[in-house]
Amino acid sequence: MNWLRRWPAAAASRPFRLKKWWATTRCFTRSRGKYHVQVCTNISCLLVGGEELYEYTAKKLGLGNKEVTADGQFSIEEVECMGACSWAPAIQINYDFHHYVTPEKLDQLLDGLKQRTQ
């Protein structure tokens, strides 16, 4: 990370931006489903049911963390913070954010995606 200090006009946020960029490139380093479901379990989401929502999602899809369904359609990942603390619990499916997610809302989202793949 020494090269970051030499980067012209290096701001304090540069390492964070680099980290966010790297997080978006992970799709090239490990397999994911066509629909990658990320469930936030950081403290704000955790306090309003994020952990239960993650467990519900894993059970519904029959997956563990960072696993992919046999048909390659869905994968699930437990993530830390999505920056949606005011709208918790939050999930992200590919690059679409969903806030105030309940198990019922999650069922609707996943069923809608399943219908698209048929």
N, C-alpha and C. Protein backbone atom coordinates (compact mmCIF):
# COMPACT_ATOMS: atom_id res chain seq x y z
N MET A 1 0.81 -1.19 0.00
CA MET A 1 0.00 0.00 0.00
C MET A 1 0.86 1.27 0.00
N ASN A 2 2.17 1.12 0.00
CA ASN A 2 3.02 2.31 -0.04
C ASN A 2 2.81 3.13 -1.30
N TRP A 3 2.44 2.48 -2.38
CA TRP A 3 2.23 3.20 -3.63
C TRP A 3 1.04 4.15 -3.52
N LEU A 4 0.12 3.87 -2.60
CA LEU A 4 -1.02 4.77 -2.41
C LEU A 4 -0.57 6.12 -1.87
N ARG A 5 0.46 6.09 -1.02
CA ARG A 5 0.96 7.35 -0.46
C ARG A 5 1.62 8.21 -1.53
N ARG A 6 2.19 7.57 -2.52
CA ARG A 6 2.84 8.32 -3.59
C ARG A 6 1.88 8.74 -4.69
N TRP A 7 0.66 8.21 -4.67
CA TRP A 7 -0.34 8.52 -5.67
C TRP A 7 -0.65 10.01 -5.61
N PRO A 8 -0.66 10.72 -6.75
CA PRO A 8 -0.90 12.17 -6.72
C PRO A 8 -2.21 12.52 -6.02
N ALA A 9 -2.13 13.49 -5.17
CA ALA A 9 -3.30 13.98 -4.42
C ALA A 9 -4.01 12.86 -3.69
N ALA A 10 -3.21 11.99 -3.06
CA ALA A 10 -3.80 10.85 -2.34
C ALA A 10 -4.69 11.34 -1.22
N ALA A 11 -5.92 10.91 -1.25
CA ALA A 11 -6.89 11.28 -0.22
C ALA A 11 -7.03 10.13 0.75
N ALA A 12 -7.56 10.42 1.90
CA ALA A 12 -7.75 9.38 2.91
C ALA A 12 -8.73 8.31 2.44
N SER A 13 -9.60 8.66 1.51
CA SER A 13 -10.60 7.70 1.06
C SER A 13 -10.09 6.77 -0.04
N ARG A 14 -8.90 6.99 -0.56
CA ARG A 14 -8.40 6.15 -1.65
C ARG A 14 -8.30 4.67 -1.28
N PRO A 15 -7.76 4.32 -0.11
CA PRO A 15 -7.72 2.89 0.21
C PRO A 15 -9.12 2.28 0.28
N PHE A 16 -10.10 3.03 0.81
CA PHE A 16 -11.47 2.53 0.88
C PHE A 16 -12.02 2.32 -0.52
N ARG A 17 -11.79 3.28 -1.44
CA ARG A 17 -12.27 3.12 -2.80
C ARG A 17 -11.63 1.92 -3.47
N LEU A 18 -10.35 1.72 -3.23
CA LEU A 18 -9.66 0.57 -3.80
C LEU A 18 -10.27 -0.72 -3.27
N LYS A 19 -10.57 -0.74 -1.97
CA LYS A 19 -11.19 -1.92 -1.37
C LYS A 19 -12.55 -2.18 -1.98
N LYS A 20 -13.36 -1.13 -2.18
CA LYS A 20 -14.68 -1.31 -2.80
C LYS A 20 -14.54 -1.82 -4.23
N TRP A 21 -13.57 -1.28 -4.98
CA TRP A 21 -13.35 -1.72 -6.35
C TRP A 21 -12.98 -3.20 -6.36
N TRP A 22 -12.08 -3.60 -5.46
CA TRP A 22 -11.65 -4.98 -5.41
C TRP A 22 -12.82 -5.89 -5.08
N ALA A 23 -13.70 -5.44 -4.20
CA ALA A 23 -14.87 -6.25 -3.82
C ALA A 23 -15.76 -6.50 -5.03
N THR A 24 -15.85 -5.54 -5.95
CA THR A 24 -16.69 -5.72 -7.13
C THR A 24 -16.05 -6.64 -8.16
N THR A 25 -14.75 -6.86 -8.08
CA THR A 25 -14.08 -7.73 -9.04
C THR A 25 -14.03 -9.18 -8.59
N ARG A 26 -14.54 -9.47 -7.38
CA ARG A 26 -14.49 -10.84 -6.88
C ARG A 26 -15.21 -11.82 -7.78
N CYS A 27 -16.15 -11.32 -8.59
CA CYS A 27 -16.89 -12.24 -9.47
C CYS A 27 -15.96 -12.94 -10.45
N PHE A 28 -14.75 -12.39 -10.66
CA PHE A 28 -13.81 -13.02 -11.56
C PHE A 28 -12.95 -14.06 -10.86
N THR A 29 -13.01 -14.12 -9.52
CA THR A 29 -12.12 -15.01 -8.80
C THR A 29 -12.82 -16.19 -8.14
N ARG A 30 -14.14 -16.21 -8.11
CA ARG A 30 -14.85 -17.37 -7.56
C ARG A 30 -16.21 -17.47 -8.22
N SER A 31 -16.76 -18.66 -8.19
CA SER A 31 -18.02 -18.86 -8.89
C SER A 31 -19.19 -18.30 -8.09
N ARG A 32 -20.15 -17.78 -8.82
CA ARG A 32 -21.38 -17.27 -8.24
C ARG A 32 -22.52 -17.73 -9.12
N GLY A 33 -23.70 -17.69 -8.54
CA GLY A 33 -24.88 -18.02 -9.32
C GLY A 33 -25.27 -16.85 -10.22
N LYS A 34 -26.20 -17.11 -11.11
CA LYS A 34 -26.71 -16.05 -11.97
C LYS A 34 -27.29 -14.93 -11.11
N TYR A 35 -27.93 -15.31 -10.00
CA TYR A 35 -28.46 -14.35 -9.05
C TYR A 35 -27.70 -14.52 -7.73
N HIS A 36 -26.87 -13.56 -7.43
CA HIS A 36 -26.04 -13.61 -6.22
C HIS A 36 -26.74 -12.82 -5.12
N VAL A 37 -27.21 -13.52 -4.09
CA VAL A 37 -27.96 -12.90 -3.00
C VAL A 37 -27.01 -12.63 -1.84
N GLN A 38 -26.87 -11.36 -1.49
CA GLN A 38 -26.04 -10.96 -0.36
C GLN A 38 -26.96 -10.45 0.74
N VAL A 39 -26.80 -11.00 1.93
CA VAL A 39 -27.63 -10.61 3.07
C VAL A 39 -26.73 -9.95 4.11
N CYS A 40 -27.08 -8.73 4.49
CA CYS A 40 -26.29 -8.00 5.48
C CYS A 40 -26.60 -8.51 6.88
N THR A 41 -25.55 -8.78 7.64
CA THR A 41 -25.72 -9.21 9.03
C THR A 41 -24.91 -8.34 9.98
N ASN A 42 -24.56 -7.13 9.54
CA ASN A 42 -23.85 -6.21 10.41
C ASN A 42 -24.81 -5.72 11.50
N ILE A 43 -24.33 -4.96 12.45
CA ILE A 43 -25.07 -4.67 13.67
C ILE A 43 -26.46 -4.06 13.42
N SER A 44 -26.59 -3.10 12.51
CA SER A 44 -27.90 -2.48 12.29
C SER A 44 -28.90 -3.48 11.73
N CYS A 45 -28.46 -4.27 10.77
CA CYS A 45 -29.35 -5.29 10.21
C CYS A 45 -29.57 -6.42 11.21
N LEU A 46 -28.53 -6.77 11.94
CA LEU A 46 -28.62 -7.84 12.92
C LEU A 46 -29.69 -7.54 13.96
N LEU A 47 -29.76 -6.30 14.42
CA LEU A 47 -30.71 -5.93 15.47
C LEU A 47 -32.16 -5.98 15.02
N VAL A 48 -32.39 -5.94 13.72
CA VAL A 48 -33.78 -5.97 13.23
C VAL A 48 -34.06 -7.23 12.40
N GLY A 49 -33.26 -8.28 12.60
CA GLY A 49 -33.57 -9.56 11.99
C GLY A 49 -32.69 -9.98 10.83
N GLY A 50 -31.54 -9.36 10.65
CA GLY A 50 -30.66 -9.71 9.54
C GLY A 50 -30.13 -11.13 9.61
N GLU A 51 -29.77 -11.59 10.80
CA GLU A 51 -29.25 -12.95 10.95
C GLU A 51 -30.34 -13.97 10.64
N GLU A 52 -31.55 -13.71 11.13
CA GLU A 52 -32.67 -14.61 10.85
C GLU A 52 -33.00 -14.62 9.36
N LEU A 53 -32.90 -13.44 8.73
CA LEU A 53 -33.16 -13.35 7.30
C LEU A 53 -32.12 -14.14 6.51
N TYR A 54 -30.85 -14.06 6.92
CA TYR A 54 -29.81 -14.84 6.26
C TYR A 54 -30.09 -16.34 6.41
N GLU A 55 -30.43 -16.76 7.63
CA GLU A 55 -30.71 -18.18 7.86
C GLU A 55 -31.92 -18.64 7.06
N TYR A 56 -32.94 -17.79 6.97
CA TYR A 56 -34.13 -18.11 6.19
C TYR A 56 -33.77 -18.27 4.71
N THR A 57 -32.96 -17.34 4.21
CA THR A 57 -32.54 -17.38 2.81
C THR A 57 -31.74 -18.65 2.53
N ALA A 58 -30.79 -18.96 3.41
CA ALA A 58 -29.97 -20.16 3.24
C ALA A 58 -30.84 -21.42 3.23
N LYS A 59 -31.80 -21.47 4.14
CA LYS A 59 -32.69 -22.64 4.21
C LYS A 59 -33.56 -22.73 2.96
N LYS A 60 -34.09 -21.60 2.52
CA LYS A 60 -34.98 -21.59 1.34
C LYS A 60 -34.23 -22.05 0.09
N LEU A 61 -32.98 -21.60 -0.05
CA LEU A 61 -32.19 -21.98 -1.23
C LEU A 61 -31.43 -23.29 -1.02
N GLY A 62 -31.37 -23.76 0.21
CA GLY A 62 -30.64 -25.00 0.50
C GLY A 62 -29.15 -24.84 0.34
N LEU A 63 -28.64 -23.68 0.74
CA LEU A 63 -27.23 -23.36 0.56
C LEU A 63 -26.58 -22.91 1.85
N GLY A 64 -25.27 -23.02 1.89
CA GLY A 64 -24.47 -22.42 2.94
C GLY A 64 -23.82 -21.17 2.38
N ASN A 65 -23.07 -20.48 3.22
CA ASN A 65 -22.42 -19.25 2.81
C ASN A 65 -21.46 -19.48 1.63
N LYS A 66 -21.62 -18.66 0.61
CA LYS A 66 -20.78 -18.68 -0.60
C LYS A 66 -20.92 -19.97 -1.41
N GLU A 67 -22.08 -20.60 -1.31
CA GLU A 67 -22.35 -21.79 -2.12
C GLU A 67 -23.28 -21.43 -3.27
N VAL A 68 -23.29 -22.29 -4.29
CA VAL A 68 -24.08 -22.08 -5.50
C VAL A 68 -25.02 -23.27 -5.68
N THR A 69 -26.26 -22.99 -6.09
CA THR A 69 -27.20 -24.09 -6.35
C THR A 69 -26.68 -24.96 -7.49
N ALA A 70 -27.14 -26.19 -7.55
CA ALA A 70 -26.67 -27.14 -8.56
C ALA A 70 -26.94 -26.65 -9.98
N ASP A 71 -28.05 -25.92 -10.16
CA ASP A 71 -28.37 -25.42 -11.50
C ASP A 71 -27.64 -24.11 -11.83
N GLY A 72 -26.87 -23.59 -10.89
CA GLY A 72 -26.08 -22.38 -11.13
C GLY A 72 -26.90 -21.09 -11.13
N GLN A 73 -28.15 -21.15 -10.68
CA GLN A 73 -29.01 -19.97 -10.71
C GLN A 73 -28.82 -19.05 -9.50
N PHE A 74 -28.59 -19.61 -8.32
CA PHE A 74 -28.52 -18.80 -7.11
C PHE A 74 -27.26 -19.09 -6.31
N SER A 75 -26.74 -18.06 -5.70
CA SER A 75 -25.68 -18.19 -4.71
C SER A 75 -26.03 -17.25 -3.57
N ILE A 76 -25.46 -17.51 -2.41
CA ILE A 76 -25.76 -16.70 -1.24
C ILE A 76 -24.46 -16.34 -0.54
N GLU A 77 -24.45 -15.14 0.05
CA GLU A 77 -23.28 -14.69 0.78
C GLU A 77 -23.73 -13.82 1.95
N GLU A 78 -23.19 -14.11 3.10
CA GLU A 78 -23.41 -13.27 4.28
C GLU A 78 -22.37 -12.16 4.22
N VAL A 79 -22.81 -10.91 4.21
CA VAL A 79 -21.89 -9.79 4.09
C VAL A 79 -21.99 -8.88 5.30
N GLU A 80 -21.00 -8.05 5.46
CA GLU A 80 -20.99 -7.13 6.59
C GLU A 80 -21.88 -5.93 6.30
N CYS A 81 -21.36 -4.81 5.96
CA CYS A 81 -22.20 -3.61 5.85
C CYS A 81 -22.42 -3.21 4.39
N MET A 82 -23.67 -2.93 4.05
CA MET A 82 -24.03 -2.45 2.72
C MET A 82 -24.27 -0.94 2.72
N GLY A 83 -24.17 -0.33 3.88
CA GLY A 83 -24.42 1.10 3.97
C GLY A 83 -25.89 1.45 3.95
N ALA A 84 -26.73 0.51 4.30
CA ALA A 84 -28.17 0.74 4.31
C ALA A 84 -28.72 0.60 5.72
N CYS A 85 -27.98 1.09 6.69
CA CYS A 85 -28.34 0.89 8.10
C CYS A 85 -29.69 1.49 8.46
N SER A 86 -30.06 2.57 7.81
CA SER A 86 -31.35 3.20 8.12
C SER A 86 -32.52 2.44 7.55
N TRP A 87 -32.26 1.51 6.64
CA TRP A 87 -33.34 0.77 5.97
C TRP A 87 -33.21 -0.73 6.21
N ALA A 88 -32.64 -1.09 7.33
CA ALA A 88 -32.34 -2.49 7.63
C ALA A 88 -33.61 -3.27 7.93
N PRO A 89 -33.58 -4.57 7.70
CA PRO A 89 -32.50 -5.36 7.11
C PRO A 89 -32.46 -5.20 5.59
N ALA A 90 -31.27 -5.30 5.05
CA ALA A 90 -31.07 -5.07 3.62
C ALA A 90 -30.43 -6.28 2.96
N ILE A 91 -30.79 -6.47 1.70
CA ILE A 91 -30.14 -7.48 0.88
C ILE A 91 -29.80 -6.85 -0.47
N GLN A 92 -28.90 -7.51 -1.16
CA GLN A 92 -28.54 -7.10 -2.51
C GLN A 92 -28.58 -8.35 -3.37
N ILE A 93 -29.28 -8.25 -4.48
CA ILE A 93 -29.31 -9.34 -5.45
C ILE A 93 -28.64 -8.81 -6.70
N ASN A 94 -27.49 -9.37 -7.01
CA ASN A 94 -26.59 -8.81 -8.01
C ASN A 94 -26.32 -7.36 -7.62
N TYR A 95 -26.75 -6.39 -8.37
CA TYR A 95 -26.49 -4.99 -7.99
C TYR A 95 -27.77 -4.25 -7.63
N ASP A 96 -28.83 -4.97 -7.32
CA ASP A 96 -30.10 -4.36 -6.92
C ASP A 96 -30.27 -4.46 -5.41
N PHE A 97 -30.41 -3.29 -4.76
CA PHE A 97 -30.61 -3.25 -3.32
C PHE A 97 -32.08 -3.36 -2.98
N HIS A 98 -32.36 -4.03 -1.87
CA HIS A 98 -33.72 -4.15 -1.35
C HIS A 98 -33.65 -3.88 0.15
N HIS A 99 -34.52 -2.98 0.60
CA HIS A 99 -34.49 -2.55 2.00
C HIS A 99 -35.76 -2.98 2.73
N TYR A 100 -35.69 -2.96 4.07
CA TYR A 100 -36.79 -3.39 4.93
C TYR A 100 -37.30 -4.78 4.51
N VAL A 101 -36.38 -5.69 4.27
CA VAL A 101 -36.73 -7.01 3.74
C VAL A 101 -37.27 -7.90 4.86
N THR A 102 -38.39 -8.50 4.59
CA THR A 102 -39.00 -9.49 5.48
C THR A 102 -38.92 -10.85 4.78
N PRO A 103 -39.14 -11.93 5.50
CA PRO A 103 -39.17 -13.23 4.82
C PRO A 103 -40.21 -13.28 3.69
N GLU A 104 -41.35 -12.64 3.90
CA GLU A 104 -42.39 -12.62 2.86
C GLU A 104 -41.91 -11.87 1.61
N LYS A 105 -41.26 -10.72 1.84
CA LYS A 105 -40.74 -9.94 0.70
C LYS A 105 -39.63 -10.73 -0.01
N LEU A 106 -38.80 -11.41 0.76
CA LEU A 106 -37.74 -12.23 0.17
C LEU A 106 -38.33 -13.34 -0.68
N ASP A 107 -39.40 -13.99 -0.18
CA ASP A 107 -40.07 -15.02 -0.97
C ASP A 107 -40.54 -14.47 -2.31
N GLN A 108 -41.14 -13.29 -2.29
CA GLN A 108 -41.61 -12.67 -3.54
C GLN A 108 -40.46 -12.39 -4.49
N LEU A 109 -39.35 -11.87 -3.96
CA LEU A 109 -38.19 -11.57 -4.81
C LEU A 109 -37.62 -12.85 -5.44
N LEU A 110 -37.40 -13.86 -4.61
CA LEU A 110 -36.80 -15.10 -5.12
C LEU A 110 -37.74 -15.83 -6.07
N ASP A 111 -39.04 -15.84 -5.77
CA ASP A 111 -40.00 -16.48 -6.67
C ASP A 111 -40.04 -15.76 -8.02
N GLY A 112 -39.95 -14.44 -8.00
CA GLY A 112 -39.91 -13.67 -9.24
C GLY A 112 -38.69 -14.00 -10.08
N LEU A 113 -37.54 -14.18 -9.41
CA LEU A 113 -36.32 -14.53 -10.13
C LEU A 113 -36.40 -15.96 -10.67
N LYS A 114 -36.99 -16.85 -9.90
CA LYS A 114 -37.14 -18.24 -10.37
C LYS A 114 -38.03 -18.30 -11.62
N GLN A 115 -39.06 -17.48 -11.65
CA GLN A 115 -39.95 -17.45 -12.82
C GLN A 115 -39.23 -16.93 -14.06
N ARG A 116 -38.31 -15.99 -13.86
CA ARG A 116 -37.54 -15.47 -14.99
C ARG A 116 -36.66 -16.52 -15.62
N THR A 117 -36.18 -17.47 -14.81
CA THR A 117 -35.25 -18.48 -15.33
C THR A 117 -35.93 -19.64 -15.99
N GLN A 118 -37.25 -19.75 -15.86
CA GLN A 118 -37.97 -20.90 -16.45
C GLN A 118 -38.33 -20.65 -17.88
